[in-house]
Amino acid sequence: MLRESDDSRWRLEGRDQGPRHSLKGGAATVARVALVAAMGLVPAGCVYAEGAREMDTGSGELRSDDEAFALVETTLVLRQVDYQPAIYYDPGDPLPRLDQDRVGWDRVVEVEHRAVVLRTQYVELTVLPRMGRVYRMVHRPTGHDVLWRNDIVRPGGGNNATGWWLWIGGIEYTLPGDEHGTTFALPWTYCVLEDSPHRKAVRMEVTEPTTGLEERLDLSVYPGRADFETDIRIHNPGQDTARFAHWVNPMWTPGGRNELTDRTEFIVPTERILIEERWQKNLGPSPQQWRGNPLRFIENWRMGDIMADELTAGFYSAYSHDEEEGVVRVFDPLATPGMDMWTYGFHPDGIPMGSGAANKGYAEMWGGTVERFPHQRRPLGPGASLQWTEWMYAYQSTRGLSFARRDLAAHSRLSPEGAELEIALCPSRRLEAAVLEVRSSGRTLVRRRFGAAPESPWKTTVALEGQARDILVRVEENGAELGRWHCAPAER
């Protein structure tokens, strides 16, 4: 069993012989309970292993692929405010409600959750499958978890159909719209989809009761890769058209401190941003040009959120310049064209840490199937499905981000006088014989062979001849293009 101790490090315990309850006196009574959830039907295509398997998840020390590549089903113990007895259902209402007057705010319980650990040489993903949630995402070259997690899980009010939300952290996958939807509060079913030498995968499924839509998530890792892959399918089994929005909500804290560092940058490929009226007092008027905008850095934020007014590429990222580490989501912008970002602001007060400890907060960088958050919806006809694949990974030592695809995170920067071009490349897998090409106005300036890996990014400087214009950077491997991007004036 995996246990998260007070210092947020893992330790391995022996398997419990059934639930245990230990009560201690005092205002903050601590109890230990076992969380039991019905699994329901086994989703199609899934394979169950006999019993749970356990492993010591270890540290960021890199091992060979054969040693590191693993899937483990286990139990994770989390400390949480005693809120579950306060959940109730009204007659005829399929949604779980929370009576906040009945929440044991001064009572902390340790609750066992089913967990699945997916691990490669470069990434370790901890999934809470019965909650439909990624809980931890450890970038093993640095040993840093790039997702925010609450030290004590606690509920609170929410602007959605349930009326509440759960401050737990990680990544959530939400239906049918509004802030955090309803699926965060629903029981999910899960199974091990594949546990082979080529792929480790878990499938999670839930039915959203107000729309009848079925959501299926296939989370996968592959040997030698730093990214995890999510295949998302929304299906309408009903006889009527359903209107919905699906939003992925990663709560990012690159740098491994479980909070945003002071020099965190937000990289969003868009020309301008929109700000709802209720947040304009904090964040300024709407619309705003994004290039050169102070809100690209957390130090200029107050609480609120911004929306991209049309994405120009299929990625966005948060990057800690203090720790030289970033995290990026890569996706098809036609399938998920929306990006909304929320923070509590710079050095905020009142982050809802369950312990009351100080925290600088996190960045929710939402990705959605519609462009406007939180009220826009799109139709899905009877029997129809919407399906797409996306990737997420951490990267390091690039000083920012100019371009990302599944295989590559890259940053390029022109010197102030325009005489040199600095390029840093951090791949999500090992590159042995890649080629960098730099062009200016269609003319090749340089072609260089290089190797790089997630633990060893590659950097180079290219001397530019005179006033180089229209600079294009390309990266290829064995004749296949891994990416290309133009060096924009904003990168000077």
Protein backbone atom coordinates (compact mmCIF):
# COMPACT_ATOMS: atom_id res chain seq x y z
CA MET A 1 0.00 0.00 0.00
CA LEU A 2 1.24 3.48 -0.84
CA ARG A 3 0.96 6.05 1.87
CA GLU A 4 1.48 9.78 1.52
CA SER A 5 3.16 11.04 4.66
CA ASP A 6 3.15 14.57 6.05
CA ASP A 7 6.31 15.50 4.10
CA SER A 8 4.56 14.48 0.83
CA ARG A 9 6.92 11.58 0.13
CA TRP A 10 5.82 8.05 -0.52
CA ARG A 11 6.45 5.15 1.77
CA LEU A 12 5.46 1.53 1.34
CA GLU A 13 3.42 -0.31 3.95
CA GLY A 14 2.31 -3.90 4.30
CA ARG A 15 -1.11 -4.86 3.05
CA ASP A 16 -3.92 -4.20 5.51
CA GLN A 17 -5.97 -7.07 6.85
CA GLY A 18 -9.27 -5.30 6.36
CA PRO A 19 -10.30 -1.82 7.55
CA ARG A 20 -8.91 -0.42 10.77
CA HIS A 21 -10.34 2.38 12.90
CA SER A 22 -8.20 4.27 15.40
CA LEU A 23 -9.68 7.24 17.21
CA LYS A 24 -7.63 9.90 18.92
CA GLY A 25 -8.89 12.60 21.23
CA GLY A 26 -8.74 16.35 20.59
CA ALA A 27 -10.44 18.81 18.27
CA ALA A 28 -8.86 17.37 15.14
CA THR A 29 -9.83 13.77 15.70
CA VAL A 30 -8.13 11.44 13.26
CA ALA A 31 -9.73 8.22 12.14
CA ARG A 32 -8.71 5.62 9.61
CA VAL A 33 -11.41 4.17 7.41
CA ALA A 34 -11.48 2.00 4.33
CA LEU A 35 -13.10 3.41 1.22
CA VAL A 36 -15.14 0.77 -0.58
CA ALA A 37 -16.72 1.49 -3.96
CA ALA A 38 -18.72 -0.79 -6.21
CA MET A 39 -16.91 -1.52 -9.44
CA GLY A 40 -19.96 -2.14 -11.60
CA LEU A 41 -19.64 -3.95 -14.91
CA VAL A 42 -16.24 -4.58 -16.42
CA PRO A 43 -15.83 -2.19 -19.39
CA ALA A 44 -15.45 -3.85 -22.78
CA GLY A 45 -11.88 -4.58 -23.80
CA CYS A 46 -10.51 -4.62 -20.26
CA VAL A 47 -8.46 -7.32 -18.59
CA TYR A 48 -8.39 -7.73 -14.84
CA ALA A 49 -5.39 -9.08 -12.97
CA GLU A 50 -5.82 -11.36 -10.00
CA GLY A 51 -5.64 -9.18 -6.91
CA ALA A 52 -3.64 -6.03 -6.41
CA ARG A 53 0.05 -5.69 -7.04
CA GLU A 54 2.33 -3.43 -5.06
CA MET A 55 5.64 -1.72 -5.72
CA ASP A 56 7.93 0.84 -4.15
CA THR A 57 7.58 3.79 -6.51
CA GLY A 58 11.02 5.04 -5.58
CA SER A 59 12.58 8.39 -6.38
CA GLY A 60 13.63 10.21 -9.51
CA GLU A 61 16.65 7.90 -10.05
CA LEU A 62 16.63 6.67 -13.65
CA ARG A 63 16.83 2.99 -14.43
CA SER A 64 16.70 1.06 -17.68
CA ASP A 65 13.39 0.77 -19.50
CA ASP A 66 13.05 -2.89 -18.57
CA GLU A 67 13.42 -2.09 -14.86
CA ALA A 68 11.30 1.06 -14.88
CA PHE A 69 8.38 0.11 -17.15
CA ALA A 70 5.56 -1.06 -14.91
CA LEU A 71 1.87 -0.97 -14.07
CA VAL A 72 0.90 -1.47 -10.45
CA GLU A 73 -2.52 -1.64 -8.80
CA THR A 74 -2.34 -0.67 -5.16
CA THR A 75 -3.98 1.32 -2.37
CA LEU A 76 -3.19 4.95 -1.63
CA VAL A 77 -3.99 6.46 1.76
CA LEU A 78 -5.00 10.14 1.69
CA ARG A 79 -5.77 12.44 4.56
CA GLN A 80 -9.04 14.27 4.06
CA VAL A 81 -11.64 16.28 5.91
CA ASP A 82 -14.47 13.97 6.94
CA TYR A 83 -16.89 15.07 4.21
CA GLN A 84 -18.25 11.78 2.86
CA PRO A 85 -20.98 11.35 5.50
CA ALA A 86 -22.32 14.75 4.41
CA ILE A 87 -23.00 13.59 0.82
CA TYR A 88 -26.66 12.88 0.11
CA TYR A 89 -29.10 12.33 -2.77
CA ASP A 90 -32.52 13.92 -3.11
CA PRO A 91 -35.36 11.74 -4.43
CA GLY A 92 -35.30 11.76 -8.22
CA ASP A 93 -32.01 13.67 -8.34
CA PRO A 94 -29.06 11.63 -9.71
CA LEU A 95 -26.41 14.07 -8.51
CA PRO A 96 -24.57 13.77 -5.18
CA ARG A 97 -25.13 16.85 -3.01
CA LEU A 98 -23.06 18.02 -0.06
CA ASP A 99 -24.54 19.35 3.17
CA GLN A 100 -21.70 21.60 4.28
CA ASP A 101 -23.25 21.98 7.73
CA ARG A 102 -22.70 18.26 8.26
CA VAL A 103 -19.07 18.21 7.09
CA GLY A 104 -16.69 17.31 9.91
CA TRP A 105 -14.39 20.28 9.30
CA ASP A 106 -12.39 19.61 12.47
CA ARG A 107 -12.15 15.88 11.85
CA VAL A 108 -9.47 14.46 9.56
CA VAL A 109 -9.71 10.88 8.33
CA GLU A 110 -7.24 8.71 6.46
CA VAL A 111 -9.02 7.07 3.56
CA GLU A 112 -7.85 4.23 1.36
CA HIS A 113 -8.31 4.89 -2.35
CA ARG A 114 -7.72 2.45 -5.17
CA ALA A 115 -4.70 3.61 -7.18
CA VAL A 116 -2.94 2.57 -10.38
CA VAL A 117 0.70 3.56 -10.93
CA LEU A 118 1.91 3.76 -14.54
CA ARG A 119 5.65 4.10 -14.78
CA THR A 120 8.34 4.49 -17.43
CA GLN A 121 11.98 5.48 -17.22
CA TYR A 122 10.92 9.14 -17.42
CA VAL A 123 7.44 9.55 -15.94
CA GLU A 124 5.49 8.13 -13.03
CA LEU A 125 1.74 8.61 -13.12
CA THR A 126 -0.49 7.88 -10.13
CA VAL A 127 -4.15 7.50 -11.06
CA LEU A 128 -7.19 7.40 -8.76
CA PRO A 129 -9.34 5.45 -11.21
CA ARG A 130 -12.56 5.35 -9.18
CA MET A 131 -12.45 9.14 -9.16
CA GLY A 132 -11.50 9.47 -12.86
CA ARG A 133 -8.46 11.49 -11.83
CA VAL A 134 -4.72 11.66 -12.38
CA TYR A 135 -3.31 12.44 -8.94
CA ARG A 136 0.46 12.63 -9.40
CA MET A 137 2.72 13.19 -12.40
CA VAL A 138 6.37 12.82 -11.47
CA HIS A 139 9.02 13.87 -13.98
CA ARG A 140 11.64 11.30 -13.07
CA PRO A 141 14.71 13.13 -14.47
CA THR A 142 14.11 15.86 -11.85
CA GLY A 143 12.09 13.83 -9.32
CA HIS A 144 9.47 16.62 -9.34
CA ASP A 145 5.72 16.16 -9.19
CA VAL A 146 4.39 18.87 -11.52
CA LEU A 147 0.78 18.66 -10.26
CA TRP A 148 -0.61 20.48 -7.23
CA ARG A 149 -2.03 18.31 -4.45
CA ASN A 150 -3.82 19.36 -1.30
CA ASP A 151 -2.13 18.27 1.92
CA ILE A 152 -5.56 17.42 3.35
CA VAL A 153 -8.37 16.89 0.84
CA ARG A 154 -11.33 19.16 1.53
CA PRO A 155 -14.61 20.16 -0.16
CA GLY A 156 -16.09 23.59 -0.75
CA GLY A 157 -18.71 25.42 -2.79
CA GLY A 158 -18.77 25.14 -6.58
CA ASN A 159 -20.48 26.91 -9.49
CA ASN A 160 -21.86 23.74 -11.04
CA ALA A 161 -24.97 21.57 -10.87
CA THR A 162 -23.80 19.76 -7.72
CA GLY A 163 -23.15 23.00 -5.82
CA TRP A 164 -19.74 21.86 -4.55
CA TRP A 165 -16.23 20.82 -5.54
CA LEU A 166 -13.34 18.85 -4.07
CA TRP A 167 -9.93 20.48 -3.51
CA ILE A 168 -7.76 17.41 -4.01
CA GLY A 169 -5.51 18.34 -6.95
CA GLY A 170 -4.11 16.52 -9.96
CA ILE A 171 -5.92 16.43 -13.31
CA GLU A 172 -9.69 16.10 -13.74
CA TYR A 173 -11.71 15.33 -16.87
CA THR A 174 -15.07 17.08 -16.63
CA LEU A 175 -18.56 16.86 -18.08
CA PRO A 176 -21.05 18.37 -18.92
CA GLY A 177 -19.76 21.97 -18.59
CA ASP A 178 -19.71 24.74 -15.97
CA GLU A 179 -16.93 24.93 -13.39
CA HIS A 180 -15.66 21.38 -12.74
CA GLY A 181 -18.86 19.79 -14.10
CA THR A 182 -20.40 16.89 -12.20
CA THR A 183 -18.07 13.99 -13.01
CA PHE A 184 -15.60 14.91 -10.23
CA ALA A 185 -18.26 13.77 -7.72
CA LEU A 186 -19.37 10.58 -9.47
CA PRO A 187 -18.09 7.01 -9.01
CA TRP A 188 -16.11 5.80 -12.05
CA THR A 189 -15.47 2.23 -13.12
CA TYR A 190 -12.03 1.16 -14.26
CA CYS A 191 -9.93 -1.74 -15.45
CA VAL A 192 -6.43 -2.50 -16.65
CA LEU A 193 -6.66 -2.19 -20.42
CA GLU A 194 -3.15 -3.43 -21.27
CA ASP A 195 -0.13 -4.55 -19.29
CA SER A 196 2.35 -5.62 -21.94
CA PRO A 197 6.03 -4.88 -22.65
CA HIS A 198 4.82 -2.35 -25.25
CA ARG A 199 2.11 -0.42 -23.38
CA LYS A 200 0.69 0.06 -19.91
CA ALA A 201 -2.87 1.38 -19.92
CA VAL A 202 -5.87 1.84 -17.64
CA ARG A 203 -9.43 2.58 -18.77
CA MET A 204 -11.86 4.68 -16.70
CA GLU A 205 -15.54 5.21 -17.50
CA VAL A 206 -18.47 7.19 -16.15
CA THR A 207 -22.00 8.14 -17.24
CA GLU A 208 -22.92 11.79 -16.68
CA PRO A 209 -26.52 11.60 -15.42
CA THR A 210 -27.90 15.00 -16.45
CA THR A 211 -27.03 14.44 -20.13
CA GLY A 212 -26.75 10.64 -20.28
CA LEU A 213 -23.36 11.03 -21.99
CA GLU A 214 -20.78 8.30 -21.50
CA GLU A 215 -17.18 9.37 -20.94
CA ARG A 216 -14.28 6.96 -21.47
CA LEU A 217 -10.64 7.70 -20.72
CA ASP A 218 -7.76 5.45 -21.77
CA LEU A 219 -4.53 6.54 -20.04
CA SER A 220 -1.38 4.99 -21.51
CA VAL A 221 2.39 5.14 -21.11
CA TYR A 222 4.97 3.65 -23.46
CA PRO A 223 8.54 2.48 -22.79
CA GLY A 224 11.22 5.12 -23.07
CA ARG A 225 8.77 8.03 -23.19
CA ALA A 226 8.24 10.97 -20.82
CA ASP A 227 4.67 11.70 -21.93
CA PHE A 228 1.42 10.02 -21.01
CA GLU A 229 -1.30 9.62 -23.60
CA THR A 230 -5.01 10.13 -23.01
CA ASP A 231 -7.59 8.87 -25.47
CA ILE A 232 -10.94 10.50 -24.65
CA ARG A 233 -14.29 9.37 -26.03
CA ILE A 234 -17.65 11.02 -25.38
CA HIS A 235 -20.62 8.95 -26.55
CA ASN A 236 -24.34 9.75 -26.64
CA PRO A 237 -26.31 6.48 -26.29
CA GLY A 238 -29.64 8.30 -26.07
CA GLN A 239 -32.39 9.14 -28.53
CA ASP A 240 -32.03 12.91 -28.21
CA THR A 241 -29.27 15.35 -29.02
CA ALA A 242 -27.21 16.25 -25.94
CA ARG A 243 -25.44 19.56 -25.44
CA PHE A 244 -22.18 19.50 -23.50
CA ALA A 245 -18.65 20.77 -23.04
CA HIS A 246 -15.77 18.57 -21.96
CA TRP A 247 -12.91 20.29 -20.16
CA VAL A 248 -9.56 18.83 -19.08
CA ASN A 249 -8.34 20.62 -15.95
CA PRO A 250 -4.67 20.09 -15.02
CA MET A 251 -3.62 21.87 -11.84
CA TRP A 252 0.00 22.62 -12.68
CA THR A 253 2.89 23.52 -10.39
CA PRO A 254 6.06 22.95 -12.44
CA GLY A 255 9.22 23.02 -10.35
CA GLY A 256 8.32 20.41 -7.74
CA ARG A 257 7.35 22.76 -4.88
CA ASN A 258 3.60 21.96 -4.87
CA GLU A 259 2.98 25.65 -5.61
CA LEU A 260 3.75 28.11 -8.38
CA THR A 261 7.25 29.53 -8.24
CA ASP A 262 7.63 33.31 -8.44
CA ARG A 263 8.97 33.30 -12.01
CA THR A 264 6.38 31.02 -13.59
CA GLU A 265 5.53 31.83 -17.22
CA PHE A 266 2.34 30.85 -19.05
CA ILE A 267 2.85 29.99 -22.72
CA VAL A 268 -0.34 30.12 -24.79
CA PRO A 269 -0.26 30.31 -28.62
CA THR A 270 -2.92 32.96 -29.22
CA GLU A 271 -3.06 36.52 -30.52
CA ARG A 272 -5.33 37.86 -27.80
CA ILE A 273 -7.13 36.93 -24.58
CA LEU A 274 -10.63 37.56 -23.24
CA ILE A 275 -11.52 38.34 -19.64
CA GLU A 276 -14.99 38.01 -18.14
CA GLU A 277 -16.43 41.18 -16.69
CA ARG A 278 -16.30 39.88 -13.12
CA TRP A 279 -12.48 39.54 -13.34
CA GLN A 280 -11.65 42.74 -15.21
CA LYS A 281 -11.07 44.65 -11.97
CA ASN A 282 -8.26 42.18 -11.18
CA LEU A 283 -6.87 41.41 -14.63
CA GLY A 284 -7.70 44.37 -16.82
CA PRO A 285 -10.02 45.04 -19.77
CA SER A 286 -11.13 42.60 -22.45
CA PRO A 287 -9.85 41.85 -25.04
CA GLN A 288 -6.07 42.17 -24.61
CA GLN A 289 -3.17 41.41 -26.92
CA TRP A 290 -1.27 38.40 -25.58
CA ARG A 291 2.14 39.06 -27.12
CA GLY A 292 4.17 40.90 -24.50
CA ASN A 293 1.27 40.85 -22.03
CA PRO A 294 2.30 41.08 -18.34
CA LEU A 295 -0.17 38.28 -17.53
CA ARG A 296 2.24 35.86 -19.21
CA PHE A 297 3.96 35.79 -15.80
CA ILE A 298 2.34 34.89 -12.48
CA GLU A 299 3.97 37.89 -10.74
CA ASN A 300 1.47 40.17 -12.53
CA TRP A 301 -1.68 38.23 -11.62
CA ARG A 302 -4.51 38.78 -9.22
CA MET A 303 -7.20 36.12 -8.82
CA GLY A 304 -9.26 35.37 -11.90
CA ASP A 305 -9.20 33.64 -15.26
CA ILE A 306 -8.47 34.44 -18.89
CA MET A 307 -9.55 32.75 -22.13
CA ALA A 308 -7.63 32.38 -25.37
CA ASP A 309 -9.50 34.05 -28.21
CA GLU A 310 -8.68 31.29 -30.71
CA LEU A 311 -5.59 29.12 -30.35
CA THR A 312 -3.05 29.21 -33.16
CA ALA A 313 -1.35 25.89 -32.28
CA GLY A 314 -2.13 22.67 -30.44
CA PHE A 315 -0.20 23.14 -27.20
CA TYR A 316 0.04 25.31 -24.10
CA SER A 317 2.35 25.24 -21.12
CA ALA A 318 3.46 26.57 -17.74
CA TYR A 319 7.20 27.01 -17.16
CA SER A 320 9.08 27.66 -13.92
CA HIS A 321 12.13 29.81 -14.65
CA ASP A 322 13.19 29.35 -11.03
CA GLU A 323 13.53 25.57 -11.42
CA GLU A 324 13.95 25.49 -15.24
CA GLU A 325 11.09 23.02 -15.62
CA GLY A 326 7.84 23.13 -17.55
CA VAL A 327 4.80 21.01 -18.29
CA VAL A 328 2.90 21.00 -21.56
CA ARG A 329 -0.39 19.68 -22.95
CA VAL A 330 -0.31 18.71 -26.66
CA PHE A 331 -3.58 18.20 -28.55
CA ASP A 332 -5.59 18.68 -31.75
CA PRO A 333 -6.93 22.26 -31.61
CA LEU A 334 -9.79 21.32 -33.95
CA ALA A 335 -11.07 18.74 -31.45
CA THR A 336 -10.39 20.84 -28.34
CA PRO A 337 -10.21 24.51 -29.38
CA GLY A 338 -10.74 26.06 -25.93
CA MET A 339 -8.17 27.25 -23.37
CA ASP A 340 -9.11 28.92 -20.10
CA MET A 341 -6.61 29.65 -17.35
CA TRP A 342 -7.30 30.32 -13.67
CA THR A 343 -4.97 31.25 -10.83
CA TYR A 344 -5.40 32.61 -7.32
CA GLY A 345 -2.94 35.36 -8.22
CA PHE A 346 0.59 36.14 -7.09
CA HIS A 347 1.34 35.24 -3.47
CA PRO A 348 -2.34 34.84 -2.62
CA ASP A 349 -3.96 34.49 0.76
CA GLY A 350 -6.46 31.79 1.58
CA ILE A 351 -5.45 28.92 -0.70
CA PRO A 352 -7.78 26.13 0.55
CA MET A 353 -5.08 23.85 1.91
CA GLY A 354 -6.79 21.40 4.21
CA SER A 355 -4.20 22.00 6.93
CA GLY A 356 -4.42 25.79 6.67
CA ALA A 357 -0.76 25.95 5.63
CA ALA A 358 0.45 28.78 3.39
CA ASN A 359 0.63 27.99 -0.32
CA LYS A 360 1.23 30.06 -3.47
CA GLY A 361 -1.38 28.18 -5.45
CA TYR A 362 -1.46 26.54 -8.84
CA ALA A 363 -2.46 27.22 -12.45
CA GLU A 364 -5.57 25.56 -13.81
CA MET A 365 -4.99 25.52 -17.56
CA TRP A 366 -8.22 24.11 -18.94
CA GLY A 367 -8.58 22.59 -22.41
CA GLY A 368 -12.10 22.28 -23.82
CA THR A 369 -14.22 21.02 -26.70
CA VAL A 370 -15.69 24.54 -26.99
CA GLU A 371 -13.93 27.91 -27.13
CA ARG A 372 -15.74 29.73 -24.32
CA PHE A 373 -15.64 28.72 -20.66
CA PRO A 374 -17.78 27.90 -18.70
CA HIS A 375 -21.23 28.21 -20.32
CA GLN A 376 -20.79 27.38 -24.03
CA ARG A 377 -22.01 23.95 -25.20
CA ARG A 378 -21.79 21.89 -28.40
CA PRO A 379 -24.31 19.33 -29.68
CA LEU A 380 -23.79 15.57 -29.87
CA GLY A 381 -26.48 13.71 -31.79
CA PRO A 382 -28.16 10.39 -30.92
CA GLY A 383 -25.70 7.51 -31.19
CA ALA A 384 -22.83 9.89 -32.04
CA SER A 385 -19.38 10.01 -30.46
CA LEU A 386 -16.56 12.52 -30.20
CA GLN A 387 -13.08 11.08 -29.72
CA TRP A 388 -9.57 12.54 -29.63
CA THR A 389 -6.09 11.83 -28.28
CA GLU A 390 -3.85 14.19 -26.34
CA TRP A 391 -0.52 14.06 -24.51
CA MET A 392 1.03 15.70 -21.47
CA TYR A 393 4.65 15.71 -20.32
CA ALA A 394 7.20 17.67 -18.31
CA TYR A 395 10.35 19.10 -19.86
CA GLN A 396 13.38 20.99 -18.56
CA SER A 397 16.25 23.42 -19.20
CA THR A 398 14.82 25.23 -22.22
CA ARG A 399 14.27 28.71 -20.68
CA GLY A 400 10.71 28.69 -21.98
CA LEU A 401 8.73 27.23 -24.87
CA SER A 402 8.22 28.22 -28.50
CA PHE A 403 6.89 24.97 -29.92
CA ALA A 404 5.68 21.57 -28.77
CA ARG A 405 4.49 18.33 -30.25
CA ARG A 406 4.29 14.90 -28.69
CA ASP A 407 7.98 14.18 -29.31
CA LEU A 408 9.54 17.57 -28.70
CA ALA A 409 9.46 20.71 -26.56
CA ALA A 410 11.56 23.52 -28.04
CA HIS A 411 12.47 27.11 -27.35
CA SER A 412 14.29 29.58 -29.57
CA ARG A 413 15.44 33.07 -28.66
CA LEU A 414 17.00 35.78 -30.77
CA SER A 415 19.72 37.88 -29.16
CA PRO A 416 18.73 41.54 -28.61
CA GLU A 417 20.80 42.70 -31.57
CA GLY A 418 19.57 39.83 -33.76
CA ALA A 419 23.05 38.42 -34.39
CA GLU A 420 22.52 35.03 -32.72
CA LEU A 421 19.75 32.49 -32.31
CA GLU A 422 19.73 30.38 -29.14
CA ILE A 423 17.89 27.05 -29.41
CA ALA A 424 17.08 24.56 -26.67
CA LEU A 425 15.41 21.21 -27.34
CA CYS A 426 13.99 18.78 -24.76
CA PRO A 427 12.46 15.68 -26.35
CA SER A 428 9.94 13.40 -24.65
CA ARG A 429 11.97 10.39 -25.82
CA ARG A 430 15.59 9.74 -26.68
CA LEU A 431 16.78 11.15 -30.01
CA GLU A 432 19.96 9.54 -31.35
CA ALA A 433 20.49 11.00 -34.83
CA ALA A 434 18.29 14.07 -35.14
CA VAL A 435 19.01 17.06 -37.37
CA LEU A 436 18.44 20.75 -36.63
CA GLU A 437 17.96 23.02 -39.64
CA VAL A 438 17.74 26.82 -39.52
CA ARG A 439 16.56 28.78 -42.56
CA SER A 440 16.29 32.48 -43.29
CA SER A 441 14.08 33.70 -46.14
CA GLY A 442 14.12 30.17 -47.59
CA ARG A 443 17.93 29.83 -47.47
CA THR A 444 19.52 27.18 -45.23
CA LEU A 445 21.91 28.72 -42.72
CA VAL A 446 22.86 25.60 -40.80
CA ARG A 447 22.17 21.85 -40.50
CA ARG A 448 23.47 20.15 -37.37
CA ARG A 449 23.17 16.59 -36.15
CA PHE A 450 22.50 16.10 -32.45
CA GLY A 451 21.30 13.71 -29.82
CA ALA A 452 19.10 14.51 -26.81
CA ALA A 453 16.91 12.87 -24.20
CA PRO A 454 14.44 13.95 -21.50
CA GLU A 455 17.24 13.91 -18.92
CA SER A 456 19.75 15.63 -21.23
CA PRO A 457 18.28 18.45 -23.35
CA TRP A 458 20.36 19.85 -26.20
CA LYS A 459 21.29 23.51 -26.65
CA THR A 460 23.07 25.34 -29.43
CA THR A 461 23.70 28.87 -30.72
CA VAL A 462 23.48 29.77 -34.39
CA ALA A 463 25.27 32.83 -35.76
CA LEU A 464 23.02 34.79 -38.10
CA GLU A 465 24.32 36.56 -41.18
CA GLY A 466 23.43 40.24 -41.24
CA GLN A 467 19.76 41.05 -40.70
CA ALA A 468 18.30 37.56 -40.96
CA ARG A 469 14.57 37.59 -41.68
CA ASP A 470 11.75 35.07 -41.64
CA ILE A 471 13.72 32.59 -39.54
CA LEU A 472 12.40 29.03 -39.67
CA VAL A 473 13.64 26.23 -37.40
CA ARG A 474 13.09 22.58 -38.29
CA VAL A 475 13.91 19.36 -36.42
CA GLU A 476 13.87 15.99 -38.12
CA GLU A 477 14.89 12.42 -37.33
CA ASN A 478 15.58 9.79 -39.98
CA GLY A 479 13.91 12.01 -42.57
CA ALA A 480 10.70 12.49 -40.57
CA GLU A 481 9.90 16.00 -39.38
CA LEU A 482 9.44 16.30 -35.62
CA GLY A 483 8.54 19.98 -35.71
CA ARG A 484 8.96 23.39 -37.31
CA TRP A 485 8.37 26.90 -36.04
CA HIS A 486 9.12 30.52 -36.90
CA CYS A 487 11.07 32.77 -34.55
CA ALA A 488 8.57 35.48 -33.73
CA PRO A 489 9.54 39.04 -32.64
CA ALA A 490 8.17 38.23 -29.17
CA GLU A 491 11.06 35.78 -28.75
CA ARG A 492 13.74 38.47 -29.02
